[in-house]
Amino acid sequence: MTGKTDVVVIGGGYAGVLAANRLTGRDDVAVTLINPRGIFVERIRLHQLVGGSDDAVVDYREVLAEGVRLVVDTATRIDAAERSVALATGGTVGYDYLIYAVGSGSADPGVPGAAEFAYPIASLEEAQRLRPVLDATPGTAPVTVVGAGPTGIETAAELAEAGRTVTLVCGAVLGPYLHPRGRRAVARRLAKLGVTVLEGRDATATAVTRDGVQLSDGRGLPSAVTIWTAGFGVPDLAARSGLRTDALGRLLTDETLTSVDDVRIVAAGDAAAPSDLPFRMSCQAATRIGAHAADTVLRRLAGEQPAPINLGFFGQCVSLGRRGGIFQFAARDDTASRFHLAGRPGATLKELVCKHTIKHLADEARVPGSLTWVRDDKRQELLRDRHGEALGRR
């Protein structure tokens, strides 16, 4: 302990870094960030690492406030009673408050052969493992990408633009978040790049082998390299530590992001489940949730009541190779609208968003409290409606 109020942040991604930087606004707070790597991962660029156009990493000196102590280690257990975090190297770190920002990663595919023969790319190490495999594979060999969310779409487009023969196995629908108009624009761009898009109930991967993918309709796709982007999971640190989580493993909190089990533990980012109604996993949400988590701690230190989170959205941006992209506009409640920006302007806007996300972190390091965001009051209406339904079932 330091004599100051010790706040430990577990996880050095978008949410954790934003939270850590924001906490440095008080001189009487000592902030420790625990992360298994000594570099910041630009997760929204991992598809570029796979495609060879970016290394997807940033030096922490560019995004982390000087006053934050970085501990490069893995948290293995949270002892809420003792207010300490056990580390993989054998040590412990004590805290007065803890911000749980462990993020998300690849989920268990649950499909025969996928764990053995497919390549996930939700983490830096997974993407780095895939890169040399692709380099060693002939350019004409078939590549299959399973999963048609942003990561799958971006990876398929990136590889196709580089001349690869790519099939995108979507399952039910291409880009589930997108408005139908935006979805059609994405489909046109993928077709132009030569990507074969398979969607519908017959286009679900049911098995993966060393050299192919089996679909639900019985078809077999030849595949020299299979990339798995279908679904995300979260680390089980909270559950292993005896804290309550939702079905996916996200830490259950109230609307201030405070754990339902311990007022000293606050969650942020992909691993947070406020009111068991989590926000969509995205860097857009992660930075804002990270900021609000820090504000919850800071309000408690000031003797004030923390505020419920009020977070609005702008939409979703997806790159479609280096020369194309789409920005899908949305209402503040994160419902996709009929408006989108596609083509080169979409690519330009996507790149601007990526750069500005890093800038937000750097700005918060320099001026804690600088990040602001739009609000959405519909969440409170939804929570009230859900609470009323729950009472009616009693």
Foldseek 3Di string as FASTA:
>chain_A
DPQAAEEEEEADAQLRLLLQLLLVVDVRYQYEYEEQDQWYFLQLCLLVLLLVNDLRIDHVVQFHFPRYHYDNFHFQAAAQVQQWTATPVGDIDHHQFYEYEQAWFADDPPAAACVPAAQERRDSVSSVVNNVVVVPDDQAFEEEEEAQAQSSQQNLLSSLQVRHQYEYQHAAAHHVQFDPLVRVQSVVLSVVSNYHYDHRNQRHFRYDDCFWTATNVGDIGGHNHYYYDHDMAGDQRCVVHVFDAPPRRAFEDAQLQAGPVHNRYGYAAPSTQHVVNDDPHDSLRRNLRSLSSSVCVVCVVVVHHRDGDFFFDFADKHARHQFKIKGFGDGGVSRTDSDMDITNVSNVVVVVVSVVSSVSSSVSSVPNPPDDHDGDPVVVVVVVVVVVVVVVVD
